[in-house]
Amino acid sequence: MENVSQANQLESIESLQSTIRKLENALSQMTQNGANTTLVKKRLKAVSIGLAVLENVWNQSPYDYTPEDLAAASKVITGLFPSIQTSYAKSKAGSPQRTLLERRMKALKLAVQAIDDLTT
C-alpha cells in the first residue's frame, strides 16, 4: 500500500464514514418506501469493509471479515467508480460537490488497494 499522509488518511476515513451515513439514510428511506434494498445493502457492507480495512492498515484496528467478504467488497466498490466519475464530470470545477467526489474516489481507491493487498 502506498504511503499516505496523516491528513489524507483522516480525509479518507471521514469520506468513507460520510458515504456510510449516506447509504444508511438511503437504506432507511427505501425500507420505509418498500423499495428493493439489496443493492444499497451490498454497497453499505462493501464500504463498511473498506473503512474497516483502512482503519486496520493505518490504525491497527481489528476487523472481522473473511477473505470472501474482502473480495466481494473490492468488487462492489470498484463497481461504484463509473457512477462517481459521471457525477464528477458533471460537477463544476471548484464546487463543494466536486471536492466531495474527489475525496470519495480517493478514499474508495485506497480501500480497494488495501483490500487487494490483504487478499493477495
Protein backbone atom coordinates (compact mmCIF):
# COMPACT_ATOMS: atom_id res chain seq x y z
CA MET A 1 0.00 0.00 0.00
CA GLU A 2 1.28 3.44 -0.91
CA ASN A 3 2.39 5.87 1.78
CA VAL A 4 -0.49 8.18 2.64
CA SER A 5 -0.07 11.35 4.69
CA GLN A 6 -1.84 11.63 8.04
CA ALA A 7 -4.09 14.37 6.60
CA ASN A 8 -5.10 12.18 3.64
CA GLN A 9 -5.72 9.24 5.96
CA LEU A 10 -8.08 11.34 8.08
CA GLU A 11 -9.77 12.77 4.99
CA SER A 12 -10.28 9.28 3.55
CA ILE A 13 -11.69 7.86 6.78
CA GLU A 14 -14.08 10.82 7.11
CA SER A 15 -15.13 10.44 3.47
CA LEU A 16 -15.94 6.76 3.92
CA GLN A 17 -17.83 7.50 7.16
CA SER A 18 -19.85 10.11 5.26
CA THR A 19 -20.54 7.61 2.48
CA ILE A 20 -21.71 5.06 5.04
CA ARG A 21 -24.09 7.61 6.61
CA LYS A 22 -25.44 8.46 3.16
CA LEU A 23 -26.03 4.77 2.39
CA GLU A 24 -27.66 4.20 5.80
CA ASN A 25 -30.04 7.09 5.15
CA ALA A 26 -30.85 5.74 1.70
CA LEU A 27 -31.48 2.29 3.16
CA SER A 28 -33.81 3.74 5.78
CA GLN A 29 -35.76 5.73 3.18
CA MET A 30 -36.00 2.79 0.81
CA THR A 31 -37.14 0.45 3.58
CA GLN A 32 -39.88 2.90 4.57
CA ASN A 33 -41.00 3.14 0.94
CA GLY A 34 -40.95 -0.61 0.46
CA ALA A 35 -38.31 -0.42 -2.27
CA ASN A 36 -35.80 -3.16 -3.06
CA THR A 37 -32.81 -2.59 -0.76
CA THR A 38 -30.48 -5.36 -1.97
CA LEU A 39 -28.07 -3.09 -3.86
CA VAL A 40 -27.86 -0.48 -1.10
CA LYS A 41 -27.21 -3.18 1.50
CA LYS A 42 -24.40 -4.61 -0.67
CA ARG A 43 -22.84 -1.20 -1.10
CA LEU A 44 -23.17 -0.37 2.59
CA LYS A 45 -21.45 -3.61 3.58
CA ALA A 46 -18.69 -3.09 0.99
CA VAL A 47 -17.92 0.48 2.06
CA SER A 48 -18.01 -0.56 5.74
CA ILE A 49 -15.49 -3.30 4.98
CA GLY A 50 -13.34 -0.78 3.08
CA LEU A 51 -13.37 1.56 6.07
CA ALA A 52 -12.52 -1.28 8.48
CA VAL A 53 -9.58 -2.38 6.33
CA LEU A 54 -8.18 1.15 6.05
CA GLU A 55 -8.51 1.61 9.81
CA ASN A 56 -6.72 -1.72 10.24
CA VAL A 57 -3.87 -0.72 7.93
CA TRP A 58 -3.43 2.78 9.34
CA ASN A 59 -4.51 2.41 12.99
CA GLN A 60 -4.15 -1.35 13.58
CA SER A 61 -7.87 -1.57 14.39
CA PRO A 62 -9.13 -5.15 14.24
CA TYR A 63 -11.69 -6.28 11.69
CA ASP A 64 -13.68 -9.49 11.40
CA TYR A 65 -14.15 -10.21 7.70
CA THR A 66 -13.38 -13.32 5.69
CA PRO A 67 -11.30 -13.31 2.51
CA GLU A 68 -14.56 -13.87 0.62
CA ASP A 69 -16.08 -10.77 2.25
CA LEU A 70 -12.99 -8.77 1.28
CA ALA A 71 -13.05 -9.96 -2.34
CA ALA A 72 -16.76 -9.18 -2.66
CA ALA A 73 -16.26 -5.73 -1.12
CA SER A 74 -13.44 -4.92 -3.54
CA LYS A 75 -15.64 -5.89 -6.49
CA VAL A 76 -18.64 -3.84 -5.27
CA ILE A 77 -16.50 -0.77 -4.51
CA THR A 78 -14.84 -0.99 -7.92
CA GLY A 79 -18.31 -1.05 -9.44
CA LEU A 80 -19.08 2.33 -7.84
CA PHE A 81 -16.41 4.20 -9.79
CA PRO A 82 -18.26 4.71 -13.11
CA SER A 83 -21.23 6.46 -11.48
CA ILE A 84 -18.98 8.59 -9.26
CA GLN A 85 -16.88 9.57 -12.29
CA THR A 86 -20.04 10.51 -14.21
CA SER A 87 -21.18 12.74 -11.34
CA TYR A 88 -17.69 14.20 -11.11
CA ALA A 89 -17.66 15.05 -14.82
CA LYS A 90 -20.98 16.89 -14.42
CA SER A 91 -19.87 18.87 -11.37
CA LYS A 92 -18.44 22.37 -11.61
CA ALA A 93 -14.72 22.97 -11.03
CA GLY A 94 -14.08 24.19 -7.52
CA SER A 95 -17.56 23.27 -6.26
CA PRO A 96 -18.05 21.57 -2.89
CA GLN A 97 -19.69 18.66 -4.72
CA ARG A 98 -16.58 18.12 -6.85
CA THR A 99 -14.34 18.21 -3.77
CA LEU A 100 -16.56 15.65 -2.03
CA LEU A 101 -16.46 13.37 -5.09
CA GLU A 102 -12.66 13.71 -5.40
CA ARG A 103 -12.24 12.70 -1.77
CA ARG A 104 -14.73 9.85 -2.12
CA MET A 105 -12.94 8.45 -5.19
CA LYS A 106 -9.56 8.71 -3.49
CA ALA A 107 -10.85 7.02 -0.32
CA LEU A 108 -12.52 4.22 -2.26
CA LYS A 109 -9.39 3.65 -4.38
CA LEU A 110 -7.30 3.42 -1.21
CA ALA A 111 -9.81 0.98 0.28
CA VAL A 112 -9.69 -1.25 -2.81
CA GLN A 113 -5.88 -1.10 -2.78
CA ALA A 114 -5.76 -2.06 0.92
CA ILE A 115 -8.25 -4.90 0.42
CA ASP A 116 -6.35 -6.20 -2.60
CA ASP A 117 -3.08 -6.05 -0.65
CA LEU A 118 -4.66 -8.21 2.07
CA THR A 119 -6.11 -10.76 -0.31
CA THR A 120 -3.02 -11.30 -2.48
